């Protein structure tokens, strides 16, 4: 079993590990932390790597909220901003028009809880790539789990695992302006590679298994 945070249109590496064939346990019962992938994704824009952040409400004075209780703030139309940013970046990509009708409703629906938005973003990607990823949700926080690969560190948007720098390139929108940007949101891979994204995920999964086998041997 793999223990992973459900994040907002997850990073490519997170998707690699979600599609390993192991049962997935989504961590929703720990305390919410700012500046993680739980409420942000990264895409490639014409100018630079761009962060798209979901606005959330902070209701506790001590800053401690369970992830599953964090609410989305809809006072500002962040969804329109995110969709406009995706259109600007990927409108001329090979697969944007192919997938936009399926993705647009996620940027129109008003969500109450962040975790519901994240789970729906994951399920939508699963459907588009024809992936079967059954999962369960944690019912309480545990520091340690038996017989479980703890991948909760993947939520950290500020510190990437070393394997990210070994990811092979795929064609990105602005390679004529920027170096290849590994481990962006799964949306970058989807818009650029379409159904071939599944093969790319498998390629990285083989690399991950090789790397982890070397570390543990």
N, C-alpha and C. Protein backbone atom coordinates (compact mmCIF):
# COMPACT_ATOMS: atom_id res chain seq x y z
N UNK A 1 0.84 -1.19 0.00
CA UNK A 1 0.00 0.00 0.00
C UNK A 1 0.88 1.25 0.00
N UNK A 2 0.44 2.27 -0.71
CA UNK A 2 1.16 3.54 -0.75
C UNK A 2 0.32 4.63 -0.09
N UNK A 3 0.97 5.38 0.80
CA UNK A 3 0.32 6.46 1.54
C UNK A 3 0.72 7.78 0.91
N UNK A 4 -0.26 8.49 0.33
CA UNK A 4 0.00 9.68 -0.48
C UNK A 4 -1.05 10.74 -0.15
N UNK A 5 -0.66 12.00 -0.21
CA UNK A 5 -1.63 13.08 -0.10
C UNK A 5 -2.33 13.28 -1.45
N UNK A 6 -3.64 13.40 -1.46
CA UNK A 6 -4.31 13.82 -2.69
C UNK A 6 -4.07 15.31 -2.89
N UNK A 7 -3.47 15.66 -4.00
CA UNK A 7 -3.09 17.05 -4.24
C UNK A 7 -3.82 17.60 -5.47
N UNK A 8 -3.65 18.89 -5.69
CA UNK A 8 -4.37 19.59 -6.75
C UNK A 8 -3.70 19.32 -8.10
N UNK A 9 -4.38 18.58 -8.97
CA UNK A 9 -3.79 18.15 -10.25
C UNK A 9 -2.33 17.76 -9.99
N UNK A 10 -2.13 16.56 -9.41
CA UNK A 10 -0.84 16.17 -8.83
C UNK A 10 0.34 16.33 -9.77
N UNK A 11 1.51 16.38 -9.15
CA UNK A 11 2.75 16.40 -9.91
C UNK A 11 2.92 15.08 -10.66
N UNK A 12 3.75 15.09 -11.67
CA UNK A 12 3.98 13.90 -12.47
C UNK A 12 4.53 12.76 -11.62
N UNK A 13 5.47 13.06 -10.72
CA UNK A 13 6.03 12.00 -9.88
C UNK A 13 4.96 11.38 -8.98
N UNK A 14 4.09 12.21 -8.45
CA UNK A 14 3.00 11.67 -7.63
C UNK A 14 2.15 10.72 -8.46
N UNK A 15 1.87 11.09 -9.70
CA UNK A 15 1.08 10.20 -10.56
C UNK A 15 1.83 8.92 -10.90
N UNK A 16 3.13 9.03 -11.06
CA UNK A 16 3.94 7.83 -11.30
C UNK A 16 3.72 6.82 -10.19
N UNK A 17 3.76 7.29 -8.95
CA UNK A 17 3.67 6.39 -7.81
C UNK A 17 2.23 5.98 -7.51
N UNK A 18 1.29 6.77 -7.92
CA UNK A 18 -0.12 6.38 -7.78
C UNK A 18 -0.49 5.27 -8.74
N UNK A 19 0.24 5.14 -9.84
CA UNK A 19 -0.11 4.15 -10.88
C UNK A 19 0.79 2.92 -10.81
N UNK A 20 1.34 2.64 -9.65
CA UNK A 20 2.26 1.51 -9.50
C UNK A 20 1.55 0.18 -9.39
N UNK A 21 0.23 0.21 -9.21
CA UNK A 21 -0.53 -1.03 -9.04
C UNK A 21 -0.80 -1.38 -7.59
N UNK A 22 -0.12 -0.70 -6.65
CA UNK A 22 -0.37 -0.93 -5.24
C UNK A 22 -1.63 -0.19 -4.80
N UNK A 23 -2.31 -0.69 -3.77
CA UNK A 23 -3.46 0.05 -3.22
C UNK A 23 -3.00 1.42 -2.72
N UNK A 24 -3.86 2.41 -2.87
CA UNK A 24 -3.55 3.77 -2.46
C UNK A 24 -4.37 4.14 -1.22
N UNK A 25 -3.68 4.69 -0.23
CA UNK A 25 -4.34 5.25 0.94
C UNK A 25 -4.04 6.75 0.93
N UNK A 26 -5.09 7.55 0.75
CA UNK A 26 -4.90 9.00 0.71
C UNK A 26 -4.95 9.57 2.11
N UNK A 27 -3.91 10.32 2.45
CA UNK A 27 -3.83 10.98 3.74
C UNK A 27 -4.67 12.25 3.74
N UNK A 28 -5.73 12.25 4.53
CA UNK A 28 -6.58 13.45 4.63
C UNK A 28 -6.77 13.86 6.08
N UNK A 29 -6.11 13.16 7.02
CA UNK A 29 -6.38 13.34 8.44
C UNK A 29 -5.24 14.00 9.20
N UNK A 30 -4.23 14.47 8.50
CA UNK A 30 -3.15 15.17 9.19
C UNK A 30 -3.45 16.66 9.21
N UNK A 31 -2.61 17.44 9.88
CA UNK A 31 -2.78 18.89 9.90
C UNK A 31 -2.37 19.47 8.55
N UNK A 32 -3.14 20.43 8.10
CA UNK A 32 -2.85 21.11 6.84
C UNK A 32 -1.62 22.00 7.00
N UNK A 33 -0.80 22.02 5.98
CA UNK A 33 0.38 22.89 5.96
C UNK A 33 0.32 23.78 4.72
N UNK A 34 0.78 25.01 4.89
CA UNK A 34 0.84 25.92 3.77
C UNK A 34 2.01 25.56 2.85
N UNK A 35 1.97 26.11 1.65
CA UNK A 35 3.06 25.99 0.69
C UNK A 35 3.39 24.54 0.34
N UNK A 36 2.35 23.76 0.12
CA UNK A 36 2.52 22.39 -0.35
C UNK A 36 1.68 22.19 -1.61
N UNK A 37 1.87 21.04 -2.22
CA UNK A 37 1.10 20.73 -3.42
C UNK A 37 -0.38 20.53 -3.13
N UNK A 38 -0.76 20.51 -1.86
CA UNK A 38 -2.17 20.26 -1.57
C UNK A 38 -3.07 21.34 -2.15
N UNK A 39 -2.57 22.56 -2.26
CA UNK A 39 -3.41 23.60 -2.85
C UNK A 39 -2.71 24.35 -3.99
N UNK A 40 -1.75 23.69 -4.63
CA UNK A 40 -1.08 24.36 -5.74
C UNK A 40 -0.59 23.35 -6.77
N UNK A 41 -0.45 23.84 -7.97
CA UNK A 41 0.20 23.07 -9.03
C UNK A 41 1.11 24.02 -9.79
N UNK A 42 2.03 23.42 -10.56
CA UNK A 42 2.95 24.20 -11.37
C UNK A 42 2.79 23.82 -12.84
N UNK A 43 2.72 24.84 -13.68
CA UNK A 43 2.65 24.64 -15.12
C UNK A 43 3.80 25.41 -15.77
N UNK A 44 3.96 25.21 -17.07
CA UNK A 44 4.97 25.98 -17.80
C UNK A 44 4.27 27.07 -18.59
N UNK A 45 4.66 28.30 -18.34
CA UNK A 45 4.12 29.42 -19.11
C UNK A 45 5.19 29.93 -20.06
N UNK A 46 4.83 30.88 -20.89
CA UNK A 46 5.78 31.42 -21.86
C UNK A 46 6.95 32.11 -21.16
N UNK A 47 6.71 32.64 -19.97
CA UNK A 47 7.75 33.40 -19.28
C UNK A 47 8.56 32.59 -18.28
N UNK A 48 7.91 31.62 -17.63
CA UNK A 48 8.61 30.89 -16.56
C UNK A 48 7.72 29.75 -16.06
N UNK A 49 8.24 29.04 -15.09
CA UNK A 49 7.44 28.08 -14.33
C UNK A 49 6.42 28.88 -13.53
N UNK A 50 5.15 28.49 -13.63
CA UNK A 50 4.08 29.29 -13.04
C UNK A 50 3.32 28.47 -12.00
N UNK A 51 3.12 29.07 -10.84
CA UNK A 51 2.35 28.43 -9.78
C UNK A 51 0.89 28.88 -9.86
N UNK A 52 -0.02 27.92 -9.78
CA UNK A 52 -1.45 28.20 -9.67
C UNK A 52 -1.91 27.70 -8.32
N UNK A 53 -2.36 28.62 -7.48
CA UNK A 53 -2.67 28.30 -6.09
C UNK A 53 -4.17 28.44 -5.81
N UNK A 54 -4.75 27.44 -5.17
CA UNK A 54 -6.14 27.48 -4.75
C UNK A 54 -6.25 28.32 -3.48
N UNK A 55 -7.18 29.25 -3.47
CA UNK A 55 -7.39 30.07 -2.28
C UNK A 55 -8.15 29.26 -1.23
N UNK A 56 -7.65 29.26 0.00
CA UNK A 56 -8.31 28.50 1.08
C UNK A 56 -8.58 29.42 2.26
N UNK A 57 -9.54 28.98 3.09
CA UNK A 57 -9.89 29.72 4.30
C UNK A 57 -9.07 29.17 5.46
N UNK A 58 -8.60 30.06 6.31
CA UNK A 58 -7.89 29.67 7.52
C UNK A 58 -8.76 30.09 8.71
N UNK A 59 -9.37 29.11 9.34
CA UNK A 59 -10.40 29.40 10.34
C UNK A 59 -9.91 29.24 11.78
N UNK A 60 -8.73 28.68 11.98
CA UNK A 60 -8.22 28.47 13.34
C UNK A 60 -7.11 29.46 13.64
N UNK A 61 -7.22 30.12 14.78
CA UNK A 61 -6.21 31.12 15.15
C UNK A 61 -4.84 30.50 15.36
N UNK A 62 -4.81 29.23 15.77
CA UNK A 62 -3.52 28.58 15.98
C UNK A 62 -2.95 27.99 14.71
N UNK A 63 -3.68 28.15 13.62
CA UNK A 63 -3.19 27.68 12.33
C UNK A 63 -3.36 26.20 12.09
N UNK A 64 -3.96 25.49 13.04
CA UNK A 64 -4.06 24.04 12.91
C UNK A 64 -5.45 23.64 12.43
N UNK A 65 -5.48 23.09 11.25
CA UNK A 65 -6.70 22.54 10.67
C UNK A 65 -6.39 21.17 10.10
N UNK A 66 -7.29 20.25 10.25
CA UNK A 66 -7.12 18.98 9.57
C UNK A 66 -7.29 19.21 8.07
N UNK A 67 -6.49 18.52 7.29
CA UNK A 67 -6.56 18.66 5.84
C UNK A 67 -7.99 18.49 5.34
N UNK A 68 -8.70 17.48 5.84
CA UNK A 68 -10.04 17.20 5.35
C UNK A 68 -11.05 18.30 5.70
N UNK A 69 -10.67 19.19 6.62
CA UNK A 69 -11.58 20.27 7.03
C UNK A 69 -11.29 21.60 6.36
N UNK A 70 -10.21 21.68 5.60
CA UNK A 70 -9.84 22.95 4.97
C UNK A 70 -10.84 23.30 3.88
N UNK A 71 -11.36 24.51 3.94
CA UNK A 71 -12.37 24.95 2.97
C UNK A 71 -11.75 25.85 1.91
N UNK A 72 -12.31 25.77 0.74
CA UNK A 72 -11.90 26.62 -0.38
C UNK A 72 -12.53 27.99 -0.21
N UNK A 73 -11.77 29.02 -0.47
CA UNK A 73 -12.30 30.38 -0.46
C UNK A 73 -12.72 30.76 -1.88
N UNK A 74 -13.98 31.12 -2.02
CA UNK A 74 -14.49 31.53 -3.33
C UNK A 74 -14.79 33.02 -3.39
N UNK A 75 -14.20 33.78 -2.46
CA UNK A 75 -14.38 35.23 -2.48
C UNK A 75 -13.71 35.85 -3.70
N UNK A 76 -12.63 35.21 -4.13
CA UNK A 76 -11.90 35.64 -5.32
C UNK A 76 -12.04 34.56 -6.38
N UNK A 77 -12.27 34.94 -7.62
CA UNK A 77 -12.52 33.95 -8.68
C UNK A 77 -11.19 33.37 -9.17
N UNK A 78 -10.56 32.59 -8.29
CA UNK A 78 -9.27 31.97 -8.64
C UNK A 78 -9.44 30.94 -9.74
N UNK A 79 -10.63 30.32 -9.84
CA UNK A 79 -10.84 29.30 -10.86
C UNK A 79 -10.75 29.89 -12.27
N UNK A 80 -11.35 31.05 -12.44
CA UNK A 80 -11.27 31.71 -13.75
C UNK A 80 -9.83 32.05 -14.08
N UNK A 81 -9.08 32.50 -13.08
CA UNK A 81 -7.67 32.82 -13.29
C UNK A 81 -6.88 31.58 -13.68
N UNK A 82 -7.13 30.45 -13.01
CA UNK A 82 -6.42 29.21 -13.32
C UNK A 82 -6.74 28.75 -14.74
N UNK A 83 -8.01 28.77 -15.10
CA UNK A 83 -8.39 28.31 -16.43
C UNK A 83 -7.82 29.21 -17.52
N UNK A 84 -7.84 30.50 -17.26
CA UNK A 84 -7.27 31.44 -18.23
C UNK A 84 -5.77 31.19 -18.39
N UNK A 85 -5.09 30.90 -17.29
CA UNK A 85 -3.66 30.62 -17.35
C UNK A 85 -3.38 29.35 -18.14
N UNK A 86 -4.22 28.33 -17.94
CA UNK A 86 -4.05 27.09 -18.70
C UNK A 86 -4.30 27.31 -20.18
N UNK A 87 -5.32 28.09 -20.50
CA UNK A 87 -5.60 28.40 -21.91
C UNK A 87 -4.43 29.15 -22.54
N UNK A 88 -3.91 30.13 -21.84
CA UNK A 88 -2.81 30.93 -22.37
C UNK A 88 -1.58 30.06 -22.63
N UNK A 89 -1.32 29.15 -21.70
CA UNK A 89 -0.12 28.33 -21.81
C UNK A 89 -0.26 27.20 -22.81
N UNK A 90 -1.45 26.60 -22.89
CA UNK A 90 -1.57 25.32 -23.61
C UNK A 90 -2.59 25.31 -24.75
N UNK A 91 -3.19 26.44 -25.05
CA UNK A 91 -4.22 26.44 -26.10
C UNK A 91 -3.71 25.82 -27.40
N UNK A 92 -2.46 26.04 -27.76
CA UNK A 92 -1.93 25.51 -29.01
C UNK A 92 -1.17 24.19 -28.82
N UNK A 93 -1.27 23.61 -27.64
CA UNK A 93 -0.62 22.31 -27.40
C UNK A 93 -1.36 21.21 -28.16
N UNK A 94 -0.76 20.05 -28.34
CA UNK A 94 -1.38 19.00 -29.16
C UNK A 94 -2.73 18.51 -28.65
N UNK A 95 -2.96 18.55 -27.32
CA UNK A 95 -4.15 17.87 -26.79
C UNK A 95 -5.06 18.76 -25.96
N UNK A 96 -4.81 20.07 -25.88
CA UNK A 96 -5.66 20.92 -25.04
C UNK A 96 -7.11 20.86 -25.50
N UNK A 97 -7.35 21.05 -26.78
CA UNK A 97 -8.73 21.05 -27.28
C UNK A 97 -9.40 19.70 -27.11
N UNK A 98 -8.61 18.64 -27.11
CA UNK A 98 -9.15 17.30 -26.96
C UNK A 98 -9.72 17.09 -25.56
N UNK A 99 -9.11 17.72 -24.55
CA UNK A 99 -9.50 17.47 -23.17
C UNK A 99 -10.25 18.63 -22.50
N UNK A 100 -10.30 19.78 -23.12
CA UNK A 100 -10.79 20.96 -22.40
C UNK A 100 -12.24 20.83 -21.95
N UNK A 101 -13.10 20.19 -22.73
CA UNK A 101 -14.50 20.07 -22.33
C UNK A 101 -14.67 19.22 -21.08
N UNK A 102 -13.78 18.27 -20.88
CA UNK A 102 -13.85 17.43 -19.68
C UNK A 102 -13.26 18.13 -18.46
N UNK A 103 -12.31 19.01 -18.68
CA UNK A 103 -11.64 19.67 -17.56
C UNK A 103 -12.34 20.95 -17.12
N UNK A 104 -12.95 21.66 -18.04
CA UNK A 104 -13.51 22.96 -17.72
C UNK A 104 -14.51 22.93 -16.55
N UNK A 105 -15.36 21.90 -16.42
CA UNK A 105 -16.32 21.91 -15.29
C UNK A 105 -15.66 22.00 -13.92
N UNK A 106 -14.43 21.49 -13.79
CA UNK A 106 -13.74 21.59 -12.50
C UNK A 106 -13.38 23.02 -12.16
N UNK A 107 -13.33 23.88 -13.16
CA UNK A 107 -13.00 25.28 -12.94
C UNK A 107 -14.25 26.16 -12.92
N UNK A 108 -15.40 25.53 -12.95
CA UNK A 108 -16.68 26.24 -12.86
C UNK A 108 -17.45 25.87 -11.61
N UNK A 109 -17.29 24.66 -11.14
CA UNK A 109 -17.98 24.19 -9.94
C UNK A 109 -17.38 24.84 -8.70
N UNK A 110 -18.23 25.24 -7.77
CA UNK A 110 -17.76 25.83 -6.52
C UNK A 110 -17.64 24.73 -5.46
N UNK A 111 -16.43 24.52 -5.01
CA UNK A 111 -16.17 23.48 -4.02
C UNK A 111 -16.15 24.09 -2.62
N UNK A 112 -16.60 23.30 -1.66
CA UNK A 112 -16.53 23.73 -0.26
C UNK A 112 -15.21 23.31 0.37
N UNK A 113 -14.82 22.07 0.13
CA UNK A 113 -13.62 21.54 0.77
C UNK A 113 -12.52 21.29 -0.25
N UNK A 114 -11.31 21.65 0.13
CA UNK A 114 -10.15 21.47 -0.74
C UNK A 114 -9.97 20.01 -1.13
N UNK A 115 -10.13 19.11 -0.18
CA UNK A 115 -9.89 17.70 -0.48
C UNK A 115 -10.85 17.18 -1.53
N UNK A 116 -12.09 17.70 -1.56
CA UNK A 116 -13.04 17.28 -2.59
C UNK A 116 -12.60 17.74 -3.97
N UNK A 117 -12.11 18.96 -4.05
CA UNK A 117 -11.57 19.47 -5.31
C UNK A 117 -10.40 18.61 -5.77
N UNK A 118 -9.51 18.28 -4.87
CA UNK A 118 -8.33 17.51 -5.24
C UNK A 118 -8.69 16.11 -5.69
N UNK A 119 -9.59 15.46 -4.97
CA UNK A 119 -10.00 14.11 -5.35
C UNK A 119 -10.71 14.12 -6.70
N UNK A 120 -11.49 15.15 -6.96
CA UNK A 120 -12.18 15.21 -8.25
C UNK A 120 -11.20 15.51 -9.38
N UNK A 121 -10.18 16.32 -9.10
CA UNK A 121 -9.18 16.57 -10.14
C UNK A 121 -8.44 15.28 -10.49
N UNK A 122 -8.15 14.47 -9.47
CA UNK A 122 -7.47 13.19 -9.70
C UNK A 122 -8.36 12.24 -10.47
N UNK A 123 -9.62 12.14 -10.07
CA UNK A 123 -10.51 11.22 -10.76
C UNK A 123 -10.72 11.61 -12.21
N UNK A 124 -10.77 12.91 -12.48
CA UNK A 124 -10.94 13.37 -13.86
C UNK A 124 -9.73 12.97 -14.71
N UNK A 125 -8.53 13.15 -14.18
CA UNK A 125 -7.33 12.73 -14.91
C UNK A 125 -7.35 11.21 -15.12
N UNK A 126 -7.73 10.48 -14.10
CA UNK A 126 -7.82 9.02 -14.23
C UNK A 126 -8.75 8.63 -15.36
N UNK A 127 -9.89 9.29 -15.43
CA UNK A 127 -10.86 8.98 -16.48
C UNK A 127 -10.30 9.31 -17.87
N UNK A 128 -9.64 10.44 -17.98
CA UNK A 128 -9.12 10.87 -19.29
C UNK A 128 -8.02 9.94 -19.77
N UNK A 129 -7.22 9.42 -18.84
CA UNK A 129 -6.13 8.52 -19.21
C UNK A 129 -6.51 7.05 -19.07
N UNK A 130 -7.77 6.80 -18.76
CA UNK A 130 -8.30 5.44 -18.61
C UNK A 130 -7.48 4.64 -17.59
N UNK A 131 -7.27 5.27 -16.44
CA UNK A 131 -6.52 4.65 -15.36
C UNK A 131 -7.48 4.20 -14.26
N UNK A 132 -7.26 3.02 -13.75
CA UNK A 132 -8.02 2.53 -12.61
C UNK A 132 -7.13 2.65 -11.37
N UNK A 133 -7.46 3.58 -10.49
CA UNK A 133 -6.67 3.78 -9.28
C UNK A 133 -7.62 3.78 -8.08
N UNK A 134 -7.98 2.61 -7.58
CA UNK A 134 -8.84 2.57 -6.39
C UNK A 134 -8.08 3.10 -5.18
N UNK A 135 -8.80 3.71 -4.28
CA UNK A 135 -8.15 4.29 -3.10
C UNK A 135 -9.09 4.27 -1.90
N UNK A 136 -8.48 4.44 -0.74
CA UNK A 136 -9.22 4.65 0.50
C UNK A 136 -8.69 5.93 1.14
N UNK A 137 -9.47 6.48 2.08
CA UNK A 137 -9.06 7.68 2.80
C UNK A 137 -8.73 7.31 4.24
N UNK A 138 -7.72 7.98 4.79
CA UNK A 138 -7.40 7.74 6.19
C UNK A 138 -8.56 8.21 7.08
N UNK A 139 -8.75 7.50 8.19
CA UNK A 139 -9.81 7.89 9.13
C UNK A 139 -9.26 8.63 10.35
N UNK A 140 -7.96 8.54 10.55
CA UNK A 140 -7.29 9.29 11.61
C UNK A 140 -5.80 9.36 11.26
N UNK A 141 -5.10 10.27 11.91
CA UNK A 141 -3.68 10.43 11.61
C UNK A 141 -2.86 9.37 12.34
N UNK A 142 -1.94 8.79 11.62
CA UNK A 142 -0.95 7.87 12.20
C UNK A 142 0.42 8.29 11.70
N UNK A 143 1.37 8.32 12.62
CA UNK A 143 2.73 8.69 12.23
C UNK A 143 3.38 7.57 11.44
N UNK A 144 3.09 6.32 11.82
CA UNK A 144 3.68 5.16 11.15
C UNK A 144 2.58 4.18 10.74
N UNK A 145 2.78 3.56 9.59
CA UNK A 145 1.89 2.52 9.10
C UNK A 145 2.71 1.27 8.81
N UNK A 146 2.15 0.11 9.15
CA UNK A 146 2.82 -1.15 8.83
C UNK A 146 2.54 -1.52 7.37
N UNK A 147 3.53 -2.14 6.74
CA UNK A 147 3.38 -2.65 5.37
C UNK A 147 2.90 -1.58 4.40
N UNK A 148 3.38 -0.37 4.60
CA UNK A 148 2.95 0.76 3.78
C UNK A 148 4.17 1.59 3.37
N UNK A 149 4.19 1.97 2.10
CA UNK A 149 5.23 2.88 1.62
C UNK A 149 4.75 4.31 1.86
N UNK A 150 5.40 4.99 2.79
CA UNK A 150 4.97 6.33 3.20
C UNK A 150 5.54 7.36 2.23
N UNK A 151 4.67 7.90 1.38
CA UNK A 151 5.08 8.86 0.36
C UNK A 151 4.50 10.25 0.64
N UNK A 152 4.20 10.51 1.89
CA UNK A 152 3.61 11.80 2.24
C UNK A 152 4.56 12.96 1.99
N UNK A 153 5.86 12.66 1.89
CA UNK A 153 6.83 13.72 1.61
C UNK A 153 6.62 14.35 0.23
N UNK A 154 5.90 13.67 -0.64
CA UNK A 154 5.68 14.20 -1.99
C UNK A 154 4.85 15.48 -2.00
N UNK A 155 4.17 15.75 -0.90
CA UNK A 155 3.38 16.99 -0.82
C UNK A 155 4.25 18.24 -0.78
N UNK A 156 5.52 18.06 -0.45
CA UNK A 156 6.43 19.19 -0.27
C UNK A 156 6.77 19.81 -1.62
N UNK A 157 6.30 21.02 -1.84
CA UNK A 157 6.54 21.70 -3.12
C UNK A 157 7.89 22.39 -3.18
N UNK A 158 8.57 22.49 -2.04
CA UNK A 158 9.83 23.23 -1.98
C UNK A 158 11.06 22.34 -2.10
N UNK A 159 10.89 21.02 -1.92
CA UNK A 159 12.03 20.11 -1.97
C UNK A 159 11.66 18.88 -2.77
N UNK A 160 12.23 18.76 -3.95
CA UNK A 160 11.92 17.66 -4.84
C UNK A 160 12.87 16.49 -4.60
N UNK A 161 12.39 15.25 -4.73
CA UNK A 161 13.29 14.09 -4.66
C UNK A 161 14.34 14.16 -5.77
N UNK A 162 15.49 13.58 -5.53
CA UNK A 162 16.59 13.65 -6.50
C UNK A 162 16.22 13.06 -7.85
N UNK A 163 15.33 12.09 -7.86
CA UNK A 163 14.96 11.43 -9.11
C UNK A 163 14.35 12.40 -10.12
N UNK A 164 13.79 13.49 -9.62
CA UNK A 164 13.16 14.46 -10.52
C UNK A 164 14.15 14.96 -11.56
N UNK A 165 15.39 15.16 -11.16
CA UNK A 165 16.40 15.68 -12.09
C UNK A 165 16.82 14.64 -13.13
N UNK A 166 16.41 13.38 -12.95
CA UNK A 166 16.74 12.32 -13.90
C UNK A 166 15.58 12.00 -14.84
N UNK A 167 14.49 12.72 -14.70
CA UNK A 167 13.35 12.43 -15.56
C UNK A 167 13.69 12.73 -17.01
N UNK A 168 13.38 11.81 -17.91
CA UNK A 168 13.63 12.08 -19.34
C UNK A 168 12.71 13.17 -19.87
N UNK A 169 13.17 13.83 -20.89
CA UNK A 169 12.38 14.92 -21.46
C UNK A 169 11.24 14.40 -22.32
N UNK A 170 10.18 15.15 -22.32
CA UNK A 170 9.13 15.06 -23.34
C UNK A 170 9.00 16.46 -23.91
N UNK A 171 8.35 16.60 -25.03
CA UNK A 171 8.22 17.91 -25.65
C UNK A 171 7.32 18.80 -24.81
N UNK A 172 7.82 19.98 -24.46
CA UNK A 172 7.03 20.97 -23.74
C UNK A 172 6.81 22.19 -24.62
N UNK A 173 5.84 23.02 -24.23
CA UNK A 173 5.41 24.11 -25.08
C UNK A 173 6.52 25.11 -25.39
N UNK A 174 7.38 25.36 -24.43
CA UNK A 174 8.30 26.49 -24.59
C UNK A 174 9.76 26.06 -24.45
N UNK A 175 10.10 24.92 -25.01
CA UNK A 175 11.49 24.47 -24.96
C UNK A 175 12.42 25.38 -25.75
N UNK A 176 11.85 26.18 -26.65
CA UNK A 176 12.66 27.15 -27.38
C UNK A 176 13.06 28.34 -26.52
N UNK A 177 12.40 28.47 -25.34
CA UNK A 177 12.68 29.60 -24.45
C UNK A 177 13.26 29.14 -23.11
N UNK A 178 12.89 27.93 -22.68
CA UNK A 178 13.30 27.46 -21.35
C UNK A 178 13.94 26.08 -21.46
N UNK A 179 14.74 25.75 -20.45
CA UNK A 179 15.18 24.38 -20.30
C UNK A 179 13.98 23.51 -19.94
N UNK A 180 14.10 22.21 -20.15
CA UNK A 180 13.04 21.28 -19.77
C UNK A 180 12.73 21.42 -18.28
N UNK A 181 11.45 21.44 -17.96
CA UNK A 181 10.98 21.57 -16.58
C UNK A 181 10.37 20.24 -16.15
N UNK A 182 11.06 19.45 -15.33
CA UNK A 182 10.53 18.17 -14.91
C UNK A 182 9.50 18.31 -13.78
N UNK A 183 8.64 17.31 -13.70
CA UNK A 183 7.72 17.17 -12.56
C UNK A 183 6.76 18.35 -12.39
N UNK A 184 6.27 18.87 -13.49
CA UNK A 184 5.19 19.84 -13.42
C UNK A 184 3.88 19.11 -13.10
N UNK A 185 2.79 19.82 -13.10
CA UNK A 185 1.49 19.18 -12.92
C UNK A 185 1.25 18.14 -14.01
N UNK A 186 0.49 17.14 -13.67
CA UNK A 186 0.11 16.11 -14.64
C UNK A 186 -0.58 16.74 -15.86
N UNK A 187 -1.15 17.94 -15.69
CA UNK A 187 -1.81 18.60 -16.82
C UNK A 187 -0.82 18.94 -17.92
N UNK A 188 0.40 19.31 -17.56
CA UNK A 188 1.41 19.62 -18.59
C UNK A 188 1.66 18.39 -19.45
N UNK A 189 1.83 17.25 -18.81
CA UNK A 189 2.06 16.01 -19.55
C UNK A 189 0.83 15.62 -20.36
N UNK A 190 -0.34 15.80 -19.79
CA UNK A 190 -1.59 15.45 -20.49
C UNK A 190 -1.75 16.27 -21.76
N UNK A 191 -1.57 17.58 -21.66
CA UNK A 191 -1.77 18.45 -22.82
C UNK A 191 -0.72 18.22 -23.91
N UNK A 192 0.47 17.80 -23.51
CA UNK A 192 1.54 17.62 -24.48
C UNK A 192 1.59 16.22 -25.07
N UNK A 193 1.27 15.22 -24.27
CA UNK A 193 1.43 13.83 -24.71
C UNK A 193 0.12 13.08 -24.89
N UNK A 194 -0.96 13.58 -24.34
CA UNK A 194 -2.24 12.89 -24.48
C UNK A 194 -2.18 11.48 -23.93
N UNK A 195 -2.74 10.50 -24.64
CA UNK A 195 -2.73 9.11 -24.16
C UNK A 195 -1.32 8.56 -23.93
N UNK A 196 -0.34 9.10 -24.63
CA UNK A 196 1.04 8.63 -24.45
C UNK A 196 1.60 8.97 -23.07
N UNK A 197 0.87 9.79 -22.32
CA UNK A 197 1.30 10.12 -20.96
C UNK A 197 1.42 8.87 -20.10
N UNK A 198 0.59 7.88 -20.36
CA UNK A 198 0.62 6.64 -19.58
C UNK A 198 1.96 5.94 -19.76
N UNK A 199 2.47 5.92 -20.99
CA UNK A 199 3.76 5.29 -21.26
C UNK A 199 4.89 6.05 -20.58
N UNK A 200 4.79 7.37 -20.56
CA UNK A 200 5.81 8.18 -19.89
C UNK A 200 5.82 7.89 -18.39
N UNK A 201 4.64 7.79 -17.79
CA UNK A 201 4.55 7.48 -16.37
C UNK A 201 5.20 6.12 -16.07
N UNK A 202 4.97 5.16 -16.95
CA UNK A 202 5.57 3.83 -16.77
C UNK A 202 7.09 3.90 -16.85
N UNK A 203 7.59 4.74 -17.74
CA UNK A 203 9.04 4.90 -17.89
C UNK A 203 9.66 5.44 -16.61
N UNK A 204 9.02 6.44 -16.01
CA UNK A 204 9.53 7.01 -14.77
C UNK A 204 9.37 6.02 -13.63
N UNK A 205 8.32 5.26 -13.67
CA UNK A 205 8.09 4.25 -12.62
C UNK A 205 9.21 3.21 -12.62
N UNK A 206 9.65 2.81 -13.79
CA UNK A 206 10.79 1.87 -13.88
C UNK A 206 12.05 2.51 -13.32
N UNK A 207 12.24 3.79 -13.61
CA UNK A 207 13.41 4.51 -13.09
C UNK A 207 13.35 4.60 -11.57
N UNK A 208 12.17 4.89 -11.03
CA UNK A 208 11.99 4.96 -9.57
C UNK A 208 12.32 3.62 -8.92
N UNK A 209 11.84 2.55 -9.50
CA UNK A 209 12.09 1.23 -8.93
C UNK A 209 13.56 0.90 -8.96
N UNK A 210 14.25 1.27 -10.02
CA UNK A 210 15.69 1.05 -10.11
C UNK A 210 16.44 1.85 -9.06
N UNK A 211 16.05 3.11 -8.91
CA UNK A 211 16.72 3.99 -7.96
C UNK A 211 16.50 3.51 -6.53
N UNK A 212 15.26 3.17 -6.18
CA UNK A 212 14.97 2.76 -4.80
C UNK A 212 15.59 1.40 -4.51
N UNK A 213 15.65 0.53 -5.49
CA UNK A 213 16.30 -0.76 -5.29
C UNK A 213 17.78 -0.57 -4.99
N UNK A 214 18.40 0.38 -5.68
CA UNK A 214 19.83 0.67 -5.45
C UNK A 214 20.06 1.20 -4.04
N UNK A 215 19.13 2.06 -3.58
CA UNK A 215 19.28 2.66 -2.24
C UNK A 215 19.12 1.62 -1.15
N UNK A 216 18.18 0.69 -1.33
CA UNK A 216 17.87 -0.28 -0.27
C UNK A 216 18.71 -1.55 -0.34
N UNK A 217 19.51 -1.71 -1.41
CA UNK A 217 20.30 -2.93 -1.55
C UNK A 217 21.59 -2.84 -0.75
